[in-house]
Every structure is written in structure tokens, then in C-alpha cells.
Amino acid sequence: MAKITSEIAYKATMERIEELLPLVDDSTPMDDRNLIELELLSNLVADYEEEHYPVKTPTLLEVIKLRMYEMNLTQNKLSQLLNVSPSRISEYLSGKSEPTLKIAREISKKLNIDPDIVLGV
């Protein structure tokens, strides 16, 4: 099977994908040449990106900060939600300490964060 082996080939493939995108839609027949080419090139790009631009699992700190933003929570509001002191929240967010198992469960439940991320699995 073909493989993208350089950044130049990657960029050229991305340009071709951009050219193909307007030519296909949900009603395009599965045997359409443009759709077939788009699918093949997309798979090649996905393989290249997986190897050269891997997406890392977010840290608990990153996810907590994201949830705080999404839920419009300040550190004080988060401390009330989790029933811990604001100083403890500050320690969690600065990386000075990690939540206990009990607090980790509350973080998972109340902020809707995957338990695997909370436990660092």
C-alpha cells in the first residue's frame, strides 16, 4: 500500500483533498472516481498524521480547566461544587497536589470527566 513519506508529499496530498471536497457530497455514488480518490487520500493522510502528529491524551489538569471554561466555573465555584477549599483547588490546578480518590470521583461525576483521565489510566 502507498504511504506518504515526506512533509512535501503530505502538503500536496492535502491540497488535492481540498480540490476533491467540493466535488463530492452525501449523494455521491460510491463508485464515483472523485469519492474513491478522496477516500484513499484521506486514509493516507490519516496514517501520516497519526505517525507524525499524534494526539496525546489530555492531562487531568487540562480537562479540568476545559470543563471550568465550558461550565463557566471559577475556582471558588469549583471548590463549592466539589466541597473542597479554594486553596485545595488552587493546589490541584497548579499541580502541587493531586485529588484524593474521593475527590477524583466527584470530579468525574460533577464535571463529567472520563474516570480513566481522572485516574491517569
PDB file of N, CA and C in Angstrom:
ATOM      1  N   MET A   1       0.841  -1.181   0.000  1.00  0.00           N
ATOM      2  CA  MET A   1       0.000   0.000   0.000  1.00  0.00           C
ATOM      3  C   MET A   1       0.889   1.248   0.000  1.00  0.00           C
ATOM      4  N   ALA A   2       0.445   2.272  -0.647  1.00  0.00           N
ATOM      5  CA  ALA A   2       1.183   3.529  -0.715  1.00  0.00           C
ATOM      6  C   ALA A   2       1.242   4.176   0.657  1.00  0.00           C
ATOM      7  N   LYS A   3       2.235   5.054   0.813  1.00  0.00           N
ATOM      8  CA  LYS A   3       2.414   5.730   2.086  1.00  0.00           C
ATOM      9  C   LYS A   3       3.005   7.104   1.813  1.00  0.00           C
ATOM     10  N   ILE A   4       2.541   8.096   2.553  1.00  0.00           N
ATOM     11  CA  ILE A   4       3.118   9.427   2.457  1.00  0.00           C
ATOM     12  C   ILE A   4       4.408   9.397   3.270  1.00  0.00           C
ATOM     13  N   THR A   5       5.522   9.813   2.619  1.00  0.00           N
ATOM     14  CA  THR A   5       6.819   9.684   3.279  1.00  0.00           C
ATOM     15  C   THR A   5       7.503  11.012   3.577  1.00  0.00           C
ATOM     16  N   SER A   6       6.896  12.121   3.174  1.00  0.00           N
ATOM     17  CA  SER A   6       7.537  13.413   3.440  1.00  0.00           C
ATOM     18  C   SER A   6       6.482  14.487   3.682  1.00  0.00           C
ATOM     19  N   GLU A   7       6.927  15.566   4.266  1.00  0.00           N
ATOM     20  CA  GLU A   7       6.040  16.704   4.533  1.00  0.00           C
ATOM     21  C   GLU A   7       5.564  17.325   3.221  1.00  0.00           C
ATOM     22  N   ILE A   8       6.431  17.329   2.206  1.00  0.00           N
ATOM     23  CA  ILE A   8       6.056  17.881   0.900  1.00  0.00           C
ATOM     24  C   ILE A   8       4.922  17.053   0.291  1.00  0.00           C
ATOM     25  N   ALA A   9       5.050  15.730   0.349  1.00  0.00           N
ATOM     26  CA  ALA A   9       4.001  14.850  -0.179  1.00  0.00           C
ATOM     27  C   ALA A   9       2.714  15.002   0.622  1.00  0.00           C
ATOM     28  N   TYR A  10       2.862  15.185   1.935  1.00  0.00           N
ATOM     29  CA  TYR A  10       1.704  15.392   2.801  1.00  0.00           C
ATOM     30  C   TYR A  10       0.954  16.655   2.392  1.00  0.00           C
ATOM     31  N   LYS A  11       1.684  17.754   2.213  1.00  0.00           N
ATOM     32  CA  LYS A  11       1.044  19.015   1.829  1.00  0.00           C
ATOM     33  C   LYS A  11       0.388  18.926   0.458  1.00  0.00           C
ATOM     34  N   ALA A  12       1.040  18.256  -0.482  1.00  0.00           N
ATOM     35  CA  ALA A  12       0.463  18.094  -1.818  1.00  0.00           C
ATOM     36  C   ALA A  12      -0.814  17.256  -1.753  1.00  0.00           C
ATOM     37  N   THR A  13      -0.804  16.240  -0.926  1.00  0.00           N
ATOM     38  CA  THR A  13      -1.987  15.392  -0.755  1.00  0.00           C
ATOM     39  C   THR A  13      -3.121  16.184  -0.125  1.00  0.00           C
ATOM     40  N   MET A  14      -2.795  17.010   0.842  1.00  0.00           N
ATOM     41  CA  MET A  14      -3.812  17.852   1.478  1.00  0.00           C
ATOM     42  C   MET A  14      -4.419  18.827   0.464  1.00  0.00           C
ATOM     43  N   GLU A  15      -3.596  19.372  -0.410  1.00  0.00           N
ATOM     44  CA  GLU A  15      -4.103  20.279  -1.455  1.00  0.00           C
ATOM     45  C   GLU A  15      -5.060  19.546  -2.389  1.00  0.00           C
ATOM     46  N   ARG A  16      -4.701  18.316  -2.746  1.00  0.00           N
ATOM     47  CA  ARG A  16      -5.575  17.533  -3.629  1.00  0.00           C
ATOM     48  C   ARG A  16      -6.897  17.218  -2.920  1.00  0.00           C
ATOM     49  N   ILE A  17      -6.831  16.913  -1.653  1.00  0.00           N
ATOM     50  CA  ILE A  17      -8.061  16.655  -0.893  1.00  0.00           C
ATOM     51  C   ILE A  17      -8.953  17.892  -0.914  1.00  0.00           C
ATOM     52  N   GLU A  18      -8.365  19.066  -0.732  1.00  0.00           N
ATOM     53  CA  GLU A  18      -9.134  20.320  -0.770  1.00  0.00           C
ATOM     54  C   GLU A  18      -9.803  20.508  -2.131  1.00  0.00           C
ATOM     55  N   GLU A  19      -9.144  20.086  -3.202  1.00  0.00           N
ATOM     56  CA  GLU A  19      -9.735  20.176  -4.544  1.00  0.00           C
ATOM     57  C   GLU A  19     -10.902  19.207  -4.706  1.00  0.00           C
ATOM     58  N   LEU A  20     -10.795  18.034  -4.091  1.00  0.00           N
ATOM     59  CA  LEU A  20     -11.818  16.998  -4.236  1.00  0.00           C
ATOM     60  C   LEU A  20     -13.057  17.242  -3.372  1.00  0.00           C
ATOM     61  N   LEU A  21     -12.886  17.868  -2.236  1.00  0.00           N
ATOM     62  CA  LEU A  21     -14.006  18.039  -1.300  1.00  0.00           C
ATOM     63  C   LEU A  21     -15.245  18.682  -1.928  1.00  0.00           C
ATOM     64  N   PRO A  22     -15.109  19.737  -2.726  1.00  0.00           N
ATOM     65  CA  PRO A  22     -16.326  20.327  -3.312  1.00  0.00           C
ATOM     66  C   PRO A  22     -16.994  19.444  -4.379  1.00  0.00           C
ATOM     67  N   LEU A  23     -16.283  18.420  -4.826  1.00  0.00           N
ATOM     68  CA  LEU A  23     -16.800  17.578  -5.906  1.00  0.00           C
ATOM     69  C   LEU A  23     -17.644  16.404  -5.419  1.00  0.00           C
ATOM     70  N   VAL A  24     -17.656  16.181  -4.102  1.00  0.00           N
ATOM     71  CA  VAL A  24     -18.422  15.062  -3.547  1.00  0.00           C
ATOM     72  C   VAL A  24     -19.308  15.546  -2.407  1.00  0.00           C
ATOM     73  N   ASP A  25     -20.402  14.821  -2.194  1.00  0.00           N
ATOM     74  CA  ASP A  25     -21.281  15.086  -1.055  1.00  0.00           C
ATOM     75  C   ASP A  25     -21.942  13.775  -0.660  1.00  0.00           C
ATOM     76  N   ASP A  26     -22.911  13.851   0.225  1.00  0.00           N
ATOM     77  CA  ASP A  26     -23.555  12.637   0.727  1.00  0.00           C
ATOM     78  C   ASP A  26     -24.288  11.847  -0.357  1.00  0.00           C
ATOM     79  N   SER A  27     -24.653  12.516  -1.444  1.00  0.00           N
ATOM     80  CA  SER A  27     -25.391  11.826  -2.503  1.00  0.00           C
ATOM     81  C   SER A  27     -24.476  11.289  -3.608  1.00  0.00           C
ATOM     82  N   THR A  28     -23.176  11.480  -3.483  1.00  0.00           N
ATOM     83  CA  THR A  28     -22.232  10.991  -4.489  1.00  0.00           C
ATOM     84  C   THR A  28     -22.226   9.466  -4.469  1.00  0.00           C
ATOM     85  N   PRO A  29     -22.353   8.829  -5.646  1.00  0.00           N
ATOM     86  CA  PRO A  29     -22.342   7.361  -5.697  1.00  0.00           C
ATOM     87  C   PRO A  29     -21.004   6.796  -5.194  1.00  0.00           C
ATOM     88  N   MET A  30     -21.044   5.647  -4.577  1.00  0.00           N
ATOM     89  CA  MET A  30     -19.853   5.027  -4.008  1.00  0.00           C
ATOM     90  C   MET A  30     -18.803   4.679  -5.062  1.00  0.00           C
ATOM     91  N   ASP A  31     -19.221   4.544  -6.323  1.00  0.00           N
ATOM     92  CA  ASP A  31     -18.262   4.195  -7.377  1.00  0.00           C
ATOM     93  C   ASP A  31     -17.732   5.426  -8.122  1.00  0.00           C
ATOM     94  N   ASP A  32     -18.030   6.607  -7.631  1.00  0.00           N
ATOM     95  CA  ASP A  32     -17.544   7.843  -8.236  1.00  0.00           C
ATOM     96  C   ASP A  32     -16.025   7.939  -8.053  1.00  0.00           C
ATOM     97  N   ARG A  33     -15.305   8.276  -9.123  1.00  0.00           N
ATOM     98  CA  ARG A  33     -13.845   8.333  -9.092  1.00  0.00           C
ATOM     99  C   ARG A  33     -13.339   9.358  -8.070  1.00  0.00           C
ATOM    100  N   ASN A  34     -13.999  10.494  -7.998  1.00  0.00           N
ATOM    101  CA  ASN A  34     -13.572  11.527  -7.046  1.00  0.00           C
ATOM    102  C   ASN A  34     -13.733  11.066  -5.603  1.00  0.00           C
ATOM    103  N   LEU A  35     -14.836  10.389  -5.324  1.00  0.00           N
ATOM    104  CA  LEU A  35     -15.072   9.883  -3.971  1.00  0.00           C
ATOM    105  C   LEU A  35     -14.045   8.818  -3.606  1.00  0.00           C
ATOM    106  N   ILE A  36     -13.756   7.933  -4.539  1.00  0.00           N
ATOM    107  CA  ILE A  36     -12.769   6.877  -4.286  1.00  0.00           C
ATOM    108  C   ILE A  36     -11.397   7.494  -4.028  1.00  0.00           C
ATOM    109  N   GLU A  37     -11.008   8.455  -4.870  1.00  0.00           N
ATOM    110  CA  GLU A  37      -9.715   9.112  -4.681  1.00  0.00           C
ATOM    111  C   GLU A  37      -9.668   9.848  -3.341  1.00  0.00           C
ATOM    112  N   LEU A  38     -10.748  10.545  -3.017  1.00  0.00           N
ATOM    113  CA  LEU A  38     -10.806  11.282  -1.752  1.00  0.00           C
ATOM    114  C   LEU A  38     -10.641  10.339  -0.566  1.00  0.00           C
ATOM    115  N   GLU A  39     -11.310   9.206  -0.611  1.00  0.00           N
ATOM    116  CA  GLU A  39     -11.220   8.250   0.489  1.00  0.00           C
ATOM    117  C   GLU A  39      -9.807   7.685   0.624  1.00  0.00           C
ATOM    118  N   LEU A  40      -9.201   7.331  -0.495  1.00  0.00           N
ATOM    119  CA  LEU A  40      -7.837   6.793  -0.456  1.00  0.00           C
ATOM    120  C   LEU A  40      -6.846   7.827   0.088  1.00  0.00           C
ATOM    121  N   LEU A  41      -6.939   9.041  -0.428  1.00  0.00           N
ATOM    122  CA  LEU A  41      -6.026  10.091   0.031  1.00  0.00           C
ATOM    123  C   LEU A  41      -6.260  10.432   1.499  1.00  0.00           C
ATOM    124  N   SER A  42      -7.509  10.449   1.915  1.00  0.00           N
ATOM    125  CA  SER A  42      -7.826  10.737   3.317  1.00  0.00           C
ATOM    126  C   SER A  42      -7.224   9.691   4.240  1.00  0.00           C
ATOM    127  N   ASN A  43      -7.270   8.437   3.825  1.00  0.00           N
ATOM    128  CA  ASN A  43      -6.675   7.365   4.631  1.00  0.00           C
ATOM    129  C   ASN A  43      -5.156   7.517   4.712  1.00  0.00           C
ATOM    130  N   LEU A  44      -4.527   7.889   3.597  1.00  0.00           N
ATOM    131  CA  LEU A  44      -3.082   8.102   3.607  1.00  0.00           C
ATOM    132  C   LEU A  44      -2.700   9.248   4.544  1.00  0.00           C
ATOM    133  N   VAL A  45      -3.469  10.330   4.478  1.00  0.00           N
ATOM    134  CA  VAL A  45      -3.213  11.485   5.349  1.00  0.00           C
ATOM    135  C   VAL A  45      -3.420  11.099   6.816  1.00  0.00           C
ATOM    136  N   ALA A  46      -4.473  10.352   7.100  1.00  0.00           N
ATOM    137  CA  ALA A  46      -4.736   9.935   8.486  1.00  0.00           C
ATOM    138  C   ALA A  46      -3.575   9.104   9.023  1.00  0.00           C
ATOM    139  N   ASP A  47      -3.045   8.195   8.210  1.00  0.00           N
ATOM    140  CA  ASP A  47      -1.912   7.377   8.640  1.00  0.00           C
ATOM    141  C   ASP A  47      -0.681   8.241   8.899  1.00  0.00           C
ATOM    142  N   TYR A  48      -0.425   9.193   8.005  1.00  0.00           N
ATOM    143  CA  TYR A  48       0.728  10.083   8.165  1.00  0.00           C
ATOM    144  C   TYR A  48       0.586  10.931   9.426  1.00  0.00           C
ATOM    145  N   GLU A  49      -0.593  11.498   9.619  1.00  0.00           N
ATOM    146  CA  GLU A  49      -0.812  12.350  10.794  1.00  0.00           C
ATOM    147  C   GLU A  49      -0.718  11.560  12.088  1.00  0.00           C
ATOM    148  N   GLU A  50      -1.202  10.339  12.079  1.00  0.00           N
ATOM    149  CA  GLU A  50      -1.131   9.505  13.281  1.00  0.00           C
ATOM    150  C   GLU A  50       0.329   9.255  13.675  1.00  0.00           C
ATOM    151  N   GLU A  51       1.184   9.095  12.669  1.00  0.00           N
ATOM    152  CA  GLU A  51       2.600   8.838  12.926  1.00  0.00           C
ATOM    153  C   GLU A  51       3.365  10.110  13.286  1.00  0.00           C
ATOM    154  N   HIS A  52       3.094  11.201  12.574  1.00  0.00           N
ATOM    155  CA  HIS A  52       3.887  12.414  12.731  1.00  0.00           C
ATOM    156  C   HIS A  52       3.268  13.492  13.625  1.00  0.00           C
ATOM    157  N   TYR A  53       1.981  13.441  13.820  1.00  0.00           N
ATOM    158  CA  TYR A  53       1.280  14.427  14.655  1.00  0.00           C
ATOM    159  C   TYR A  53       0.321  13.718  15.606  1.00  0.00           C
ATOM    160  N   PRO A  54       0.856  12.846  16.468  1.00  0.00           N
ATOM    161  CA  PRO A  54      -0.053  12.100  17.347  1.00  0.00           C
ATOM    162  C   PRO A  54      -0.780  13.021  18.315  1.00  0.00           C
ATOM    163  N   VAL A  55      -2.028  12.670  18.585  1.00  0.00           N
ATOM    164  CA  VAL A  55      -2.829  13.423  19.548  1.00  0.00           C
ATOM    165  C   VAL A  55      -2.654  12.744  20.900  1.00  0.00           C
ATOM    166  N   LYS A  56      -2.148  13.499  21.842  1.00  0.00           N
ATOM    167  CA  LYS A  56      -1.894  12.950  23.164  1.00  0.00           C
ATOM    168  C   LYS A  56      -3.163  12.979  24.011  1.00  0.00           C
ATOM    169  N   THR A  57      -3.246  12.056  24.942  1.00  0.00           N
ATOM    170  CA  THR A  57      -4.349  12.053  25.890  1.00  0.00           C
ATOM    171  C   THR A  57      -4.188  13.275  26.790  1.00  0.00           C
ATOM    172  N   PRO A  58      -5.247  14.029  26.978  1.00  0.00           N
ATOM    173  CA  PRO A  58      -5.123  15.229  27.815  1.00  0.00           C
ATOM    174  C   PRO A  58      -4.875  14.856  29.272  1.00  0.00           C
ATOM    175  N   THR A  59      -4.197  15.737  29.969  1.00  0.00           N
ATOM    176  CA  THR A  59      -3.978  15.523  31.400  1.00  0.00           C
ATOM    177  C   THR A  59      -5.248  15.905  32.154  1.00  0.00           C
ATOM    178  N   LEU A  60      -5.337  15.440  33.381  1.00  0.00           N
ATOM    179  CA  LEU A  60      -6.477  15.786  34.216  1.00  0.00           C
ATOM    180  C   LEU A  60      -6.561  17.303  34.385  1.00  0.00           C
ATOM    181  N   LEU A  61      -5.435  17.938  34.584  1.00  0.00           N
ATOM    182  CA  LEU A  61      -5.403  19.389  34.757  1.00  0.00           C
ATOM    183  C   LEU A  61      -5.978  20.100  33.526  1.00  0.00           C
ATOM    184  N   GLU A  62      -5.586  19.653  32.334  1.00  0.00           N
ATOM    185  CA  GLU A  62      -6.097  20.264  31.103  1.00  0.00           C
ATOM    186  C   GLU A  62      -7.609  20.084  30.982  1.00  0.00           C
ATOM    187  N   VAL A  63      -8.089  18.903  31.325  1.00  0.00           N
ATOM    188  CA  VAL A  63      -9.522  18.626  31.206  1.00  0.00           C
ATOM    189  C   VAL A  63     -10.315  19.412  32.255  1.00  0.00           C
ATOM    190  N   ILE A  64      -9.797  19.509  33.455  1.00  0.00           N
ATOM    191  CA  ILE A  64     -10.486  20.299  34.488  1.00  0.00           C
ATOM    192  C   ILE A  64     -10.594  21.755  34.045  1.00  0.00           C
ATOM    193  N   LYS A  65      -9.501  22.312  33.544  1.00  0.00           N
ATOM    194  CA  LYS A  65      -9.525  23.707  33.091  1.00  0.00           C
ATOM    195  C   LYS A  65     -10.502  23.892  31.926  1.00  0.00           C
ATOM    196  N   LEU A  66     -10.550  22.921  31.025  1.00  0.00           N
ATOM    197  CA  LEU A  66     -11.508  22.992  29.919  1.00  0.00           C
ATOM    198  C   LEU A  66     -12.938  22.954  30.447  1.00  0.00           C
ATOM    199  N   ARG A  67     -13.217  22.041  31.368  1.00  0.00           N
ATOM    200  CA  ARG A  67     -14.570  21.950  31.929  1.00  0.00           C
ATOM    201  C   ARG A  67     -14.939  23.219  32.691  1.00  0.00           C
ATOM    202  N   MET A  68     -13.975  23.779  33.400  1.00  0.00           N
ATOM    203  CA  MET A  68     -14.246  25.018  34.120  1.00  0.00           C
ATOM    204  C   MET A  68     -14.644  26.105  33.128  1.00  0.00           C
ATOM    205  N   TYR A  69     -13.949  26.171  32.018  1.00  0.00           N
ATOM    206  CA  TYR A  69     -14.279  27.153  30.986  1.00  0.00           C
ATOM    207  C   TYR A  69     -15.664  26.879  30.407  1.00  0.00           C
ATOM    208  N   GLU A  70     -15.910  25.604  30.040  1.00  0.00           N
ATOM    209  CA  GLU A  70     -17.194  25.235  29.424  1.00  0.00           C
ATOM    210  C   GLU A  70     -18.372  25.476  30.368  1.00  0.00           C
ATOM    211  N   MET A  71     -18.162  25.241  31.650  1.00  0.00           N
ATOM    212  CA  MET A  71     -19.233  25.370  32.635  1.00  0.00           C
ATOM    213  C   MET A  71     -19.245  26.744  33.301  1.00  0.00           C
ATOM    214  N   ASN A  72     -18.337  27.617  32.850  1.00  0.00           N
ATOM    215  CA  ASN A  72     -18.225  28.967  33.396  1.00  0.00           C
ATOM    216  C   ASN A  72     -18.011  28.935  34.918  1.00  0.00           C
ATOM    217  N   LEU A  73     -17.053  28.100  35.344  1.00  0.00           N
ATOM    218  CA  LEU A  73     -16.759  27.946  36.766  1.00  0.00           C
ATOM    219  C   LEU A  73     -15.483  28.685  37.135  1.00  0.00           C
ATOM    220  N   THR A  74     -15.538  29.425  38.208  1.00  0.00           N
ATOM    221  CA  THR A  74     -14.327  29.997  38.796  1.00  0.00           C
ATOM    222  C   THR A  74     -13.757  28.960  39.756  1.00  0.00           C
ATOM    223  N   GLN A  75     -12.570  29.236  40.284  1.00  0.00           N
ATOM    224  CA  GLN A  75     -12.003  28.319  41.269  1.00  0.00           C
ATOM    225  C   GLN A  75     -12.901  28.242  42.500  1.00  0.00           C
ATOM    226  N   ASN A  76     -13.489  29.363  42.890  1.00  0.00           N
ATOM    227  CA  ASN A  76     -14.386  29.352  44.049  1.00  0.00           C
ATOM    228  C   ASN A  76     -15.631  28.515  43.792  1.00  0.00           C
ATOM    229  N   LYS A  77     -16.223  28.676  42.611  1.00  0.00           N
ATOM    230  CA  LYS A  77     -17.415  27.885  42.282  1.00  0.00           C
ATOM    231  C   LYS A  77     -17.069  26.398  42.210  1.00  0.00           C
ATOM    232  N   LEU A  78     -15.888  26.083  41.663  1.00  0.00           N
ATOM    233  CA  LEU A  78     -15.469  24.687  41.591  1.00  0.00           C
ATOM    234  C   LEU A  78     -15.254  24.112  42.987  1.00  0.00           C
ATOM    235  N   SER A  79     -14.695  24.904  43.854  1.00  0.00           N
ATOM    236  CA  SER A  79     -14.467  24.413  45.227  1.00  0.00           C
ATOM    237  C   SER A  79     -15.798  24.115  45.922  1.00  0.00           C
ATOM    238  N   GLN A  80     -16.804  24.959  45.674  1.00  0.00           N
ATOM    239  CA  GLN A  80     -18.134  24.711  46.246  1.00  0.00           C
ATOM    240  C   GLN A  80     -18.762  23.464  45.643  1.00  0.00           C
ATOM    241  N   LEU A  81     -18.605  23.295  44.341  1.00  0.00           N
ATOM    242  CA  LEU A  81     -19.182  22.135  43.656  1.00  0.00           C
ATOM    243  C   LEU A  81     -18.584  20.827  44.177  1.00  0.00           C
ATOM    244  N   LEU A  82     -17.275  20.853  44.446  1.00  0.00           N
ATOM    245  CA  LEU A  82     -16.588  19.633  44.893  1.00  0.00           C
ATOM    246  C   LEU A  82     -16.482  19.520  46.412  1.00  0.00           C
ATOM    247  N   ASN A  83     -16.965  20.543  47.127  1.00  0.00           N
ATOM    248  CA  ASN A  83     -16.898  20.556  48.598  1.00  0.00           C
ATOM    249  C   ASN A  83     -15.466  20.458  49.119  1.00  0.00           C
ATOM    250  N   VAL A  84     -14.578  21.245  48.512  1.00  0.00           N
ATOM    251  CA  VAL A  84     -13.204  21.355  49.000  1.00  0.00           C
ATOM    252  C   VAL A  84     -12.856  22.838  49.084  1.00  0.00           C
ATOM    253  N   SER A  85     -11.806  23.144  49.775  1.00  0.00           N
ATOM    254  CA  SER A  85     -11.433  24.546  49.946  1.00  0.00           C
ATOM    255  C   SER A  85     -10.873  25.130  48.640  1.00  0.00           C
ATOM    256  N   PRO A  86     -11.033  26.438  48.472  1.00  0.00           N
ATOM    257  CA  PRO A  86     -10.460  27.094  47.291  1.00  0.00           C
ATOM    258  C   PRO A  86      -8.946  26.898  47.206  1.00  0.00           C
ATOM    259  N   SER A  87      -8.272  26.851  48.348  1.00  0.00           N
ATOM    260  CA  SER A  87      -6.824  26.650  48.323  1.00  0.00           C
ATOM    261  C   SER A  87      -6.467  25.258  47.794  1.00  0.00           C
ATOM    262  N   ARG A  88      -7.312  24.269  48.107  1.00  0.00           N
ATOM    263  CA  ARG A  88      -7.086  22.908  47.605  1.00  0.00           C
ATOM    264  C   ARG A  88      -7.254  22.886  46.084  1.00  0.00           C
ATOM    265  N   ILE A  89      -8.266  23.586  45.575  1.00  0.00           N
ATOM    266  CA  ILE A  89      -8.471  23.677  44.128  1.00  0.00           C
ATOM    267  C   ILE A  89      -7.254  24.327  43.486  1.00  0.00           C
ATOM    268  N   SER A  90      -6.751  25.373  44.114  1.00  0.00           N
ATOM    269  CA  SER A  90      -5.559  26.050  43.606  1.00  0.00           C
ATOM    270  C   SER A  90      -4.373  25.092  43.533  1.00  0.00           C
ATOM    271  N   GLU A  91      -4.234  24.255  44.539  1.00  0.00           N
ATOM    272  CA  GLU A  91      -3.152  23.263  44.542  1.00  0.00           C
ATOM    273  C   GLU A  91      -3.324  22.248  43.415  1.00  0.00           C
ATOM    274  N   TYR A  92      -4.565  21.811  43.171  1.00  0.00           N
ATOM    275  CA  TYR A  92      -4.818  20.881  42.065  1.00  0.00           C
ATOM    276  C   TYR A  92      -4.457  21.531  40.731  1.00  0.00           C
ATOM    277  N   LEU A  93      -4.911  22.784  40.554  1.00  0.00           N
ATOM    278  CA  LEU A  93      -4.726  23.456  39.269  1.00  0.00           C
ATOM    279  C   LEU A  93      -3.284  23.883  39.022  1.00  0.00           C
ATOM    280  N   SER A  94      -2.507  24.018  40.079  1.00  0.00           N
ATOM    281  CA  SER A  94      -1.097  24.368  39.909  1.00  0.00           C
ATOM    282  C   SER A  94      -0.212  23.131  39.830  1.00  0.00           C
ATOM    283  N   GLY A  95      -0.801  21.964  40.098  1.00  0.00           N
ATOM    284  CA  GLY A  95      -0.044  20.717  40.053  1.00  0.00           C
ATOM    285  C   GLY A  95       0.714  20.418  41.332  1.00  0.00           C
ATOM    286  N   LYS A  96       0.465  21.190  42.383  1.00  0.00           N
ATOM    287  CA  LYS A  96       1.154  20.977  43.659  1.00  0.00           C
ATOM    288  C   LYS A  96       0.657  19.740  44.386  1.00  0.00           C
ATOM    289  N   SER A  97      -0.603  19.379  44.148  1.00  0.00           N
ATOM    290  CA  SER A  97      -1.142  18.167  44.768  1.00  0.00           C
ATOM    291  C   SER A  97      -2.172  17.535  43.836  1.00  0.00           C
ATOM    292  N   GLU A  98      -2.459  16.273  44.110  1.00  0.00           N
ATOM    293  CA  GLU A  98      -3.448  15.548  43.319  1.00  0.00           C
ATOM    294  C   GLU A  98      -4.666  15.271  44.191  1.00  0.00           C
ATOM    295  N   PRO A  99      -5.828  15.172  43.558  1.00  0.00           N
ATOM    296  CA  PRO A  99      -7.043  14.900  44.344  1.00  0.00           C
ATOM    297  C   PRO A  99      -7.025  13.507  44.952  1.00  0.00           C
ATOM    298  N   THR A 100      -7.673  13.391  46.098  1.00  0.00           N
ATOM    299  CA  THR A 100      -7.846  12.077  46.716  1.00  0.00           C
ATOM    300  C   THR A 100      -8.805  11.265  45.847  1.00  0.00           C
ATOM    301  N   LEU A 101      -8.914   9.993  46.127  1.00  0.00           N
ATOM    302  CA  LEU A 101      -9.823   9.147  45.368  1.00  0.00           C
ATOM    303  C   LEU A 101     -11.259   9.632  45.491  1.00  0.00           C
ATOM    304  N   LYS A 102     -11.633  10.059  46.686  1.00  0.00           N
ATOM    305  CA  LYS A 102     -12.987  10.565  46.906  1.00  0.00           C
ATOM    306  C   LYS A 102     -13.248  11.809  46.045  1.00  0.00           C
ATOM    307  N   ILE A 103     -12.319  12.740  46.038  1.00  0.00           N
ATOM    308  CA  ILE A 103     -12.475  13.956  45.248  1.00  0.00           C
ATOM    309  C   ILE A 103     -12.398  13.616  43.753  1.00  0.00           C
ATOM    310  N   ALA A 104     -11.558  12.665  43.402  1.00  0.00           N
ATOM    311  CA  ALA A 104     -11.454  12.245  41.999  1.00  0.00           C
ATOM    312  C   ALA A 104     -12.805  11.733  41.488  1.00  0.00           C
ATOM    313  N   ARG A 105     -13.497  10.983  42.332  1.00  0.00           N
ATOM    314  CA  ARG A 105     -14.838  10.505  41.945  1.00  0.00           C
ATOM    315  C   ARG A 105     -15.784  11.679  41.721  1.00  0.00           C
ATOM    316  N   GLU A 106     -15.724  12.654  42.613  1.00  0.00           N
ATOM    317  CA  GLU A 106     -16.583  13.843  42.492  1.00  0.00           C
ATOM    318  C   GLU A 106     -16.242  14.622  41.218  1.00  0.00           C
ATOM    319  N   ILE A 107     -14.969  14.748  40.925  1.00  0.00           N
ATOM    320  CA  ILE A 107     -14.545  15.437  39.703  1.00  0.00           C
ATOM    321  C   ILE A 107     -15.119  14.720  38.486  1.00  0.00           C
ATOM    322  N   SER A 108     -14.998  13.413  38.493  1.00  0.00           N
ATOM    323  CA  SER A 108     -15.513  12.626  37.370  1.00  0.00           C
ATOM    324  C   SER A 108     -17.017  12.802  37.208  1.00  0.00           C
ATOM    325  N   LYS A 109     -17.750  12.710  38.301  1.00  0.00           N
ATOM    326  CA  LYS A 109     -19.208  12.811  38.249  1.00  0.00           C
ATOM    327  C   LYS A 109     -19.689  14.226  37.942  1.00  0.00           C
ATOM    328  N   LYS A 110     -19.205  15.187  38.698  1.00  0.00           N
ATOM    329  CA  LYS A 110     -19.757  16.537  38.612  1.00  0.00           C
ATOM    330  C   LYS A 110     -19.240  17.338  37.427  1.00  0.00           C
ATOM    331  N   LEU A 111     -18.060  16.978  36.926  1.00  0.00           N
ATOM    332  CA  LEU A 111     -17.534  17.681  35.751  1.00  0.00           C
ATOM    333  C   LEU A 111     -17.657  16.829  34.488  1.00  0.00           C
ATOM    334  N   ASN A 112     -18.216  15.631  34.643  1.00  0.00           N
ATOM    335  CA  ASN A 112     -18.407  14.720  33.518  1.00  0.00           C
ATOM    336  C   ASN A 112     -17.086  14.453  32.790  1.00  0.00           C
ATOM    337  N   ILE A 113     -16.108  14.028  33.556  1.00  0.00           N
ATOM    338  CA  ILE A 113     -14.796  13.683  33.019  1.00  0.00           C
ATOM    339  C   ILE A 113     -14.615  12.172  33.117  1.00  0.00           C
ATOM    340  N   ASP A 114     -14.148  11.578  32.050  1.00  0.00           N
ATOM    341  CA  ASP A 114     -13.929  10.136  31.990  1.00  0.00           C
ATOM    342  C   ASP A 114     -13.075   9.702  33.174  1.00  0.00           C
ATOM    343  N   PRO A 115     -13.514   8.663  33.899  1.00  0.00           N
ATOM    344  CA  PRO A 115     -12.745   8.184  35.064  1.00  0.00           C
ATOM    345  C   PRO A 115     -11.320   7.783  34.713  1.00  0.00           C
ATOM    346  N   ASP A 116     -11.083   7.293  33.508  1.00  0.00           N
ATOM    347  CA  ASP A 116      -9.723   6.923  33.114  1.00  0.00           C
ATOM    348  C   ASP A 116      -8.797   8.137  33.104  1.00  0.00           C
ATOM    349  N   ILE A 117      -9.313   9.290  32.691  1.00  0.00           N
ATOM    350  CA  ILE A 117      -8.500  10.500  32.695  1.00  0.00           C
ATOM    351  C   ILE A 117      -8.263  10.959  34.137  1.00  0.00           C
ATOM    352  N   VAL A 118      -9.305  10.887  34.951  1.00  0.00           N
ATOM    353  CA  VAL A 118      -9.178  11.310  36.346  1.00  0.00           C
ATOM    354  C   VAL A 118      -8.158  10.442  37.078  1.00  0.00           C
ATOM    355  N   LEU A 119      -8.163   9.152  36.774  1.00  0.00           N
ATOM    356  CA  LEU A 119      -7.240   8.230  37.457  1.00  0.00           C
ATOM    357  C   LEU A 119      -5.887   8.126  36.761  1.00  0.00           C
ATOM    358  N   GLY A 120      -5.735   8.811  35.619  1.00  0.00           N
ATOM    359  CA  GLY A 120      -4.464   8.785  34.904  1.00  0.00           C
ATOM    360  C   GLY A 120      -4.180   7.475  34.207  1.00  0.00           C
ATOM    361  N   VAL A 121      -5.243   6.757  33.851  1.00  0.00           N
ATOM    362  CA  VAL A 121      -5.081   5.449  33.194  1.00  0.00           C
ATOM    363  C   VAL A 121      -4.852   5.668  31.717  1.00  0.00           C
TER     364      VAL A 121
END
